[in-house]
């Protein structure tokens, strides 16, 4: 079976040099304990029994599919996300790329038009929000007497609830098939290397991906979709939390002022400015509550609002909820305990109302941070205070805001 995989890998080198060149970086590992394949950025594991069920074209497509995981950084971008849902999100992200390259995938490959062009992080967030919404919409089941277990698996209550990432089918259960007996890794898993090795691997794969793309482009065999993927995968990533805190702290008004001359030099007849430290004034955070910002993003953003308030200690903190109009304003004084209330609102999106409200109230904040998907109406004129747009849409897919700084918030 290894020889067959090597042959199809060679075919990819000739017909699809981008995939073929990257596949040469992965060591083939025969692993009957896995369901189909797994990849971790160093090795590519395969179940020989499963590979035997694939045609040559399907096997070629599966190899291309697997190598796109480390090429996109999926093996070190998961973080604390649920493994099973992350695997599915990664598959939704890369399967269209494989098909658009003219390759074939086995029946049942995860494809959904809603996710075209979206990153694995975006897809993960969308599917997690959908699961949360579905759970809230389901009526609370009334307690029922538990039927006696007779080993048949049948009962009035139906199938028992499954853990996150399982759908209750036979593939999620261990049986006589040794491919289903692995307790550690789920079928087709995107495995992660130890934390200490991840940054080195990530850098190596970025370089290799750019080199493979350049070689394929010189041969005229790099589709536009793959070119866009390479650009996105090799783009430097920045922790949005660090950018948010940096922006907030940069607005502290510690500067030299002529209002109070430096006394150390007045006896020499020199009037030089002294360092004037003025405590931070008002800080404003606006939460887009139109429904376009997912619940988990709102929760993490709320945690950062509290962290900024605790460390920066502005005179007042305003947290404004807004869709097309302001639905709620919370105000916290310096030294006051902060506990953010639930978001309020729902509807369209317009960014005008918070800026108008601040003008009406005569509030000139030290800075304003706006969490939104960036799809809405902007004010006609920029404000006089610094503004940071925390975009839940990747910045390469939106037009730059008419004013202020923008950062990408993907959780």
Protein backbone atom coordinates (compact mmCIF):
# COMPACT_ATOMS: atom_id res chain seq x y z
CA UNK A 1 0.00 0.00 0.00
CA UNK A 2 2.92 2.34 0.68
CA UNK A 3 4.09 1.85 -2.92
CA UNK A 4 0.64 2.78 -4.19
CA UNK A 5 0.59 5.97 -2.12
CA UNK A 6 4.11 6.84 -3.30
CA UNK A 7 3.03 6.35 -6.90
CA UNK A 8 0.06 8.72 -6.50
CA UNK A 9 2.31 11.21 -4.77
CA UNK A 10 4.61 11.10 -7.80
CA UNK A 11 1.62 11.67 -10.06
CA UNK A 12 0.81 14.80 -8.04
CA UNK A 13 4.37 16.06 -8.45
CA UNK A 14 3.91 15.88 -12.23
CA UNK A 15 0.31 17.09 -12.53
CA UNK A 16 -0.14 19.23 -9.38
CA UNK A 17 3.36 20.38 -8.35
CA UNK A 18 2.10 22.53 -5.47
CA UNK A 19 0.60 19.52 -3.67
CA UNK A 20 3.34 17.14 -4.77
CA UNK A 21 6.23 19.26 -3.51
CA UNK A 22 4.62 19.70 -0.08
CA UNK A 23 3.75 16.02 0.22
CA UNK A 24 7.45 15.17 0.02
CA UNK A 25 7.84 16.85 3.42
CA UNK A 26 5.58 14.29 5.14
CA UNK A 27 6.73 10.85 6.23
CA UNK A 28 4.27 8.06 5.42
CA UNK A 29 3.18 6.08 8.47
CA UNK A 30 1.00 2.98 8.24
CA UNK A 31 -1.52 3.18 11.08
CA UNK A 32 -4.38 0.63 11.15
CA UNK A 33 -5.71 2.24 14.35
CA UNK A 34 -6.94 5.35 12.52
CA UNK A 35 -10.13 5.44 10.48
CA UNK A 36 -8.79 7.08 7.33
CA UNK A 37 -5.81 9.46 7.51
CA UNK A 38 -4.13 11.79 9.98
CA UNK A 39 -1.50 14.49 9.61
CA UNK A 40 0.59 16.46 12.11
CA UNK A 41 2.97 18.50 9.96
CA UNK A 42 5.72 15.86 10.18
CA UNK A 43 4.01 12.60 9.24
CA UNK A 44 0.99 11.45 7.26
CA UNK A 45 -0.71 8.41 8.75
CA UNK A 46 -3.02 6.15 6.78
CA UNK A 47 -5.16 3.09 7.33
CA UNK A 48 -4.23 0.58 4.61
CA UNK A 49 -7.69 -1.01 4.77
CA UNK A 50 -9.30 2.34 4.01
CA UNK A 51 -6.82 3.24 1.31
CA UNK A 52 -7.66 -0.05 -0.43
CA UNK A 53 -11.26 1.16 -0.86
CA UNK A 54 -10.21 4.30 -2.78
CA UNK A 55 -9.69 4.68 -6.49
CA UNK A 56 -6.42 6.19 -7.68
CA UNK A 57 -8.09 9.55 -8.32
CA UNK A 58 -9.71 9.56 -4.87
CA UNK A 59 -6.42 8.65 -3.21
CA UNK A 60 -4.69 11.48 -5.06
CA UNK A 61 -7.37 13.88 -3.84
CA UNK A 62 -7.03 12.63 -0.26
CA UNK A 63 -3.27 13.17 -0.31
CA UNK A 64 -3.77 16.72 -1.56
CA UNK A 65 -6.42 17.24 1.12
CA UNK A 66 -4.12 16.07 3.92
CA UNK A 67 -1.15 18.21 2.90
CA UNK A 68 -3.33 21.33 2.86
CA UNK A 69 -3.78 21.02 6.61
CA UNK A 70 -0.16 21.83 7.54
CA UNK A 71 0.10 24.19 4.55
CA UNK A 72 -2.72 26.20 6.13
CA UNK A 73 -1.30 25.89 9.63
CA UNK A 74 -4.21 23.81 10.87
CA UNK A 75 -1.85 21.61 12.90
CA UNK A 76 -0.86 24.53 15.15
CA UNK A 77 -3.76 26.96 14.93
CA UNK A 78 -6.32 24.98 16.91
CA UNK A 79 -5.45 26.33 20.34
CA UNK A 80 -8.05 25.35 22.93
CA UNK A 81 -10.80 24.65 20.40
CA UNK A 82 -12.66 21.35 20.43
CA UNK A 83 -10.70 18.85 18.32
CA UNK A 84 -13.59 17.16 16.50
CA UNK A 85 -15.29 20.42 15.52
CA UNK A 86 -11.94 21.94 14.52
CA UNK A 87 -11.25 18.97 12.21
CA UNK A 88 -14.59 19.46 10.50
CA UNK A 89 -14.06 23.20 10.14
CA UNK A 90 -10.65 22.60 8.56
CA UNK A 91 -12.18 20.12 6.10
CA UNK A 92 -14.92 22.56 5.13
CA UNK A 93 -12.22 25.17 4.47
CA UNK A 94 -9.91 23.09 2.26
CA UNK A 95 -12.16 20.66 0.40
CA UNK A 96 -13.31 23.29 -2.12
CA UNK A 97 -9.65 24.04 -2.87
CA UNK A 98 -9.00 20.39 -3.67
CA UNK A 99 -12.01 20.17 -5.97
CA UNK A 100 -11.24 23.48 -7.69
CA UNK A 101 -7.78 22.12 -8.47
CA UNK A 102 -9.45 19.40 -10.54
CA UNK A 103 -8.92 16.61 -8.03
CA UNK A 104 -11.46 14.13 -6.72
CA UNK A 105 -12.53 13.37 -3.17
CA UNK A 106 -14.37 10.32 -1.78
CA UNK A 107 -18.13 10.46 -1.37
CA UNK A 108 -19.25 12.24 1.78
CA UNK A 109 -16.50 14.88 1.80
CA UNK A 110 -17.60 17.94 3.78
CA UNK A 111 -18.73 20.69 1.40
CA UNK A 112 -20.99 23.63 2.23
CA UNK A 113 -21.43 26.71 0.07
CA UNK A 114 -21.85 28.93 3.14
CA UNK A 115 -18.22 28.40 4.03
CA UNK A 116 -16.58 29.14 0.68
CA UNK A 117 -13.63 31.47 1.11
CA UNK A 118 -13.79 31.40 4.90
CA UNK A 119 -10.99 30.36 7.22
CA UNK A 120 -11.18 27.38 9.55
CA UNK A 121 -11.51 29.78 12.51
CA UNK A 122 -14.50 31.52 10.94
CA UNK A 123 -16.18 28.22 10.07
CA UNK A 124 -15.55 26.88 13.56
CA UNK A 125 -17.15 29.97 15.09
CA UNK A 126 -20.17 29.75 12.76
CA UNK A 127 -20.80 26.07 13.48
CA UNK A 128 -20.34 26.56 17.22
CA UNK A 129 -22.86 29.43 17.16
CA UNK A 130 -25.31 27.31 15.15
CA UNK A 131 -25.00 24.47 17.65
CA UNK A 132 -25.60 26.91 20.51
CA UNK A 133 -28.66 28.40 18.79
CA UNK A 134 -30.11 24.96 18.11
CA UNK A 135 -29.61 23.91 21.73
CA UNK A 136 -31.43 27.04 22.93
CA UNK A 137 -34.34 26.51 20.53
CA UNK A 138 -34.94 22.93 21.61
CA UNK A 139 -37.66 22.69 24.31
CA UNK A 140 -36.60 21.38 27.66
CA UNK A 141 -37.39 17.69 27.79
CA UNK A 142 -39.60 16.54 30.64
CA UNK A 143 -38.00 13.96 32.93
CA UNK A 144 -38.97 10.48 31.82
CA UNK A 145 -38.62 7.18 33.63
CA UNK A 146 -35.46 5.48 32.48
CA UNK A 147 -36.15 2.21 30.66
CA UNK A 148 -34.46 -0.94 31.77
CA UNK A 149 -31.27 -1.63 29.83
CA UNK A 150 -31.59 -4.96 28.10
CA UNK A 151 -28.52 -4.69 25.88
CA UNK A 152 -30.57 -4.18 22.71
CA UNK A 153 -29.85 -0.46 22.49
CA UNK A 154 -33.55 0.33 22.10
CA UNK A 155 -35.67 2.47 24.38
CA UNK A 156 -38.33 5.16 24.48
CA UNK A 157 -35.75 7.90 24.90
CA UNK A 158 -34.01 7.27 21.57
CA UNK A 159 -30.25 7.49 21.21
CA UNK A 160 -28.26 8.91 24.11
CA UNK A 161 -26.66 12.30 23.62
CA UNK A 162 -23.29 12.21 21.88
CA UNK A 163 -20.16 14.16 22.80
CA UNK A 164 -19.26 17.23 20.77
CA UNK A 165 -18.09 16.24 17.30
CA UNK A 166 -19.96 12.89 17.16
CA UNK A 167 -23.23 12.27 15.42
CA UNK A 168 -24.20 8.97 16.93
CA UNK A 169 -23.51 6.86 13.83
CA UNK A 170 -21.55 3.68 13.74
CA UNK A 171 -18.32 5.48 12.96
CA UNK A 172 -18.27 6.92 16.46
CA UNK A 173 -18.39 3.50 18.16
CA UNK A 174 -15.69 0.96 18.70
CA UNK A 175 -16.31 -2.46 17.26
CA UNK A 176 -14.48 -5.37 15.74
CA UNK A 177 -12.82 -3.10 13.18
CA UNK A 178 -9.39 -2.23 14.59
CA UNK A 179 -9.55 1.13 12.82
CA UNK A 180 -12.18 2.19 15.36
CA UNK A 181 -10.37 1.16 18.52
CA UNK A 182 -8.04 4.14 18.91
CA UNK A 183 -9.00 6.00 22.12
CA UNK A 184 -6.63 8.91 21.50
CA UNK A 185 -7.29 10.11 17.97
CA UNK A 186 -10.54 10.48 16.10
CA UNK A 187 -10.83 9.53 12.40
CA UNK A 188 -9.06 11.91 10.04
CA UNK A 189 -7.68 14.01 12.85
CA UNK A 190 -5.51 17.05 12.38
CA UNK A 191 -3.00 16.25 15.08
CA UNK A 192 -0.95 18.84 16.91
CA UNK A 193 2.75 18.70 17.71
CA UNK A 194 3.96 19.63 21.22
CA UNK A 195 3.71 23.34 21.94
CA UNK A 196 7.49 23.73 21.97
CA UNK A 197 7.77 22.48 18.36
CA UNK A 198 4.80 24.29 16.86
CA UNK A 199 6.43 27.66 16.08
CA UNK A 200 9.41 26.06 14.36
CA UNK A 201 7.13 23.86 12.25
CA UNK A 202 4.87 26.78 11.45
CA UNK A 203 7.79 28.83 10.14
CA UNK A 204 9.17 25.91 8.12
CA UNK A 205 5.80 25.24 6.50
CA UNK A 206 5.26 28.90 5.65
CA UNK A 207 8.55 28.96 3.76
CA UNK A 208 7.87 25.60 2.08
CA UNK A 209 4.36 26.69 1.07
CA UNK A 210 5.64 29.89 -0.54
CA UNK A 211 8.37 27.97 -2.37
CA UNK A 212 5.91 25.33 -3.62
CA UNK A 213 3.53 28.04 -4.80
CA UNK A 214 6.29 29.85 -6.66
CA UNK A 215 7.43 26.65 -8.37
CA UNK A 216 3.87 25.76 -9.39
CA UNK A 217 3.24 29.29 -10.62
CA UNK A 218 6.34 29.16 -12.86
CA UNK A 219 4.87 26.05 -14.47
CA UNK A 220 1.47 27.72 -14.82
CA UNK A 221 -0.18 25.22 -12.49
CA UNK A 222 -1.29 27.29 -9.51
CA UNK A 223 -5.05 28.02 -9.54
CA UNK A 224 -6.20 31.41 -8.30
CA UNK A 225 -7.90 29.82 -5.28
CA UNK A 226 -4.64 28.20 -4.17
CA UNK A 227 -2.75 31.43 -4.75
CA UNK A 228 -5.18 33.25 -2.43
CA UNK A 229 -4.85 30.45 0.13
CA UNK A 230 -1.06 30.73 0.10
CA UNK A 231 -1.25 34.48 0.62
CA UNK A 232 -3.60 34.02 3.57
CA UNK A 233 -1.67 31.11 5.11
CA UNK A 234 1.68 32.89 4.97
CA UNK A 235 0.37 36.21 6.27
CA UNK A 236 1.83 37.15 9.64
CA UNK A 237 -0.66 36.60 12.44
CA UNK A 238 -1.05 39.03 15.33
CA UNK A 239 -2.72 38.43 18.69
CA UNK A 240 -5.68 40.81 18.68
CA UNK A 241 -5.61 41.05 22.47
CA UNK A 242 -2.08 42.43 22.41
CA UNK A 243 -3.04 44.98 19.75
CA UNK A 244 -6.10 46.05 21.75
CA UNK A 245 -4.10 46.61 24.93
CA UNK A 246 -1.33 48.36 23.04
CA UNK A 247 -3.86 50.73 21.45
CA UNK A 248 -5.48 51.49 24.80
CA UNK A 249 -2.21 52.15 26.60
CA UNK A 250 -0.92 54.38 23.82
CA UNK A 251 -3.75 56.78 24.59
CA UNK A 252 -2.50 57.51 28.12
CA UNK A 253 -1.73 61.20 28.22
CA UNK A 254 1.80 61.18 29.57
CA UNK A 255 3.71 63.85 27.66
CA UNK A 256 5.88 66.92 28.02
CA UNK A 257 3.97 70.13 28.69
CA UNK A 258 4.92 73.85 28.65
CA UNK A 259 2.19 74.62 31.20
CA UNK A 260 4.58 73.80 34.06
CA UNK A 261 8.25 74.53 33.14
CA UNK A 262 10.94 72.17 34.28
CA UNK A 263 12.25 73.72 37.56
CA UNK A 264 15.63 72.08 37.20
CA UNK A 265 16.57 74.58 34.48
CA UNK A 266 14.72 77.79 35.47
CA UNK A 267 17.69 79.10 37.50
CA UNK A 268 19.69 78.99 34.27
CA UNK A 269 17.09 81.11 32.50
CA UNK A 270 15.95 78.12 30.45
CA UNK A 271 12.27 77.40 30.19
CA UNK A 272 11.94 73.75 29.17
CA UNK A 273 8.81 71.58 29.26
CA UNK A 274 8.25 69.21 32.17
CA UNK A 275 6.86 65.72 32.02
CA UNK A 276 3.16 66.08 32.62
CA UNK A 277 1.23 62.95 33.58
CA UNK A 278 -2.48 63.26 33.20
CA UNK A 279 -4.55 60.21 34.11
CA UNK A 280 -6.58 58.57 31.38
CA UNK A 281 -9.93 60.17 30.71
CA UNK A 282 -12.98 58.30 29.47
CA UNK A 283 -12.75 55.03 27.56
CA UNK A 284 -15.54 53.80 25.27
CA UNK A 285 -16.14 50.28 24.00
CA UNK A 286 -18.98 49.64 21.55
CA UNK A 287 -20.41 46.17 20.99
CA UNK A 288 -22.17 45.44 17.70
CA UNK A 289 -25.32 43.59 18.80
CA UNK A 290 -26.88 43.13 15.36
CA UNK A 291 -26.29 39.37 15.56
CA UNK A 292 -23.31 39.40 13.21
CA UNK A 293 -20.88 39.02 16.12
CA UNK A 294 -21.04 35.56 17.67
CA UNK A 295 -21.63 34.90 21.35
CA UNK A 296 -18.15 33.52 22.09
CA UNK A 297 -16.54 36.54 20.45
CA UNK A 298 -18.69 38.83 22.59
CA UNK A 299 -17.67 36.93 25.72
CA UNK A 300 -13.94 37.12 24.97
CA UNK A 301 -14.21 40.78 23.98
CA UNK A 302 -16.04 41.47 27.23
CA UNK A 303 -13.22 39.84 29.18
CA UNK A 304 -10.70 42.12 27.45
CA UNK A 305 -12.83 45.19 28.24
CA UNK A 306 -12.66 44.27 31.92
CA UNK A 307 -8.89 43.65 31.67
CA UNK A 308 -8.29 47.06 30.06
CA UNK A 309 -10.44 48.77 32.70
CA UNK A 310 -8.56 47.05 35.51
CA UNK A 311 -5.09 47.83 34.19
CA UNK A 312 -5.62 51.26 32.62
CA UNK A 313 -8.08 52.67 35.18
CA UNK A 314 -9.78 55.30 32.96
CA UNK A 315 -11.84 58.00 34.67
CA UNK A 316 -15.00 56.43 33.29
CA UNK A 317 -15.67 53.36 31.16
CA UNK A 318 -18.64 53.38 28.80
CA UNK A 319 -19.78 50.12 27.24
CA UNK A 320 -22.34 50.79 24.51
CA UNK A 321 -24.51 48.16 22.81
CA UNK A 322 -25.69 49.19 19.37
CA UNK A 323 -27.24 47.76 16.19
CA UNK A 324 -28.85 50.54 14.16
CA UNK A 325 -29.50 52.42 17.40
CA UNK A 326 -28.17 52.35 20.93
CA UNK A 327 -29.82 49.60 22.96
CA UNK A 328 -27.85 49.92 26.21
CA UNK A 329 -25.16 52.06 27.83
CA UNK A 330 -23.23 50.89 30.90
CA UNK A 331 -20.98 53.30 32.78
CA UNK A 332 -18.33 52.40 35.36
CA UNK A 333 -16.33 54.89 37.42
CA UNK A 334 -12.63 54.51 38.22
CA UNK A 335 -12.14 52.13 41.14
CA UNK A 336 -15.63 50.67 40.75
CA UNK A 337 -16.11 46.93 40.41
CA UNK A 338 -17.05 46.04 36.85
CA UNK A 339 -19.57 43.40 35.86
CA UNK A 340 -20.79 43.71 32.29
CA UNK A 341 -24.43 42.98 31.64
CA UNK A 342 -25.75 40.82 28.82
CA UNK A 343 -25.69 42.37 25.38
CA UNK A 344 -28.90 43.94 24.10
CA UNK A 345 -30.11 44.66 20.62
CA UNK A 346 -30.60 42.80 17.37
CA UNK A 347 -31.29 43.97 13.86
CA UNK A 348 -29.30 45.86 11.27
CA UNK A 349 -25.95 47.58 11.66
CA UNK A 350 -25.06 51.27 11.68
CA UNK A 351 -22.00 52.81 13.29
CA UNK A 352 -23.37 56.33 13.46
CA UNK A 353 -25.40 56.24 16.70
CA UNK A 354 -22.55 55.80 19.26
CA UNK A 355 -20.55 58.69 17.82
CA UNK A 356 -23.65 60.93 17.75
CA UNK A 357 -24.51 59.96 21.34
CA UNK A 358 -21.03 60.90 22.57
CA UNK A 359 -21.34 64.30 20.85
CA UNK A 360 -24.76 64.89 22.39
CA UNK A 361 -23.48 64.00 25.86
CA UNK A 362 -20.41 66.19 25.47
CA UNK A 363 -18.10 63.24 26.04
CA UNK A 364 -14.67 63.39 24.39
CA UNK A 365 -13.15 60.00 25.24
CA UNK A 366 -9.46 59.19 25.25
CA UNK A 367 -10.28 56.43 22.75
CA UNK A 368 -13.11 54.31 21.34
CA UNK A 369 -13.00 50.63 20.40
CA UNK A 370 -15.79 49.21 18.22
CA UNK A 371 -16.35 45.44 17.91
CA UNK A 372 -18.19 44.68 14.67
CA UNK A 373 -18.14 42.74 11.39
CA UNK A 374 -17.48 46.08 9.62
CA UNK A 375 -20.59 45.84 7.46
CA UNK A 376 -22.60 48.98 8.17
CA UNK A 377 -22.92 52.74 7.69
CA UNK A 378 -20.00 54.85 8.92
CA UNK A 379 -20.25 58.42 10.26
CA UNK A 380 -19.86 61.10 7.60
CA UNK A 381 -17.01 62.78 9.50
CA UNK A 382 -14.27 61.21 11.63
CA UNK A 383 -14.24 61.95 15.37
CA UNK A 384 -11.43 63.86 17.04
CA UNK A 385 -10.49 60.94 19.31
CA UNK A 386 -8.61 57.74 18.31
CA UNK A 387 -10.81 54.89 17.10
CA UNK A 388 -9.99 51.20 16.86
CA UNK A 389 -12.21 48.92 14.75
CA UNK A 390 -12.12 45.36 16.08
CA UNK A 391 -13.24 43.48 12.97
CA UNK A 392 -14.68 39.99 13.15
CA UNK A 393 -14.24 39.79 9.37
CA UNK A 394 -10.69 39.16 8.09
CA UNK A 395 -9.14 42.47 7.10
CA UNK A 396 -8.16 41.26 3.62
CA UNK A 397 -11.85 40.79 2.81
CA UNK A 398 -13.06 44.26 3.76
CA UNK A 399 -12.36 47.80 2.64
CA UNK A 400 -10.28 49.84 5.10
CA UNK A 401 -12.46 51.93 7.44
CA UNK A 402 -12.71 55.64 6.54
CA UNK A 403 -10.93 56.54 9.77
CA UNK A 404 -9.20 54.90 12.69
CA UNK A 405 -7.14 51.73 12.99
CA UNK A 406 -8.43 48.20 12.34
CA UNK A 407 -7.50 44.88 13.88
CA UNK A 408 -8.77 41.38 13.14
CA UNK A 409 -10.64 39.55 15.90
CA UNK A 410 -11.12 35.85 15.11
CA UNK A 411 -11.76 33.57 18.10
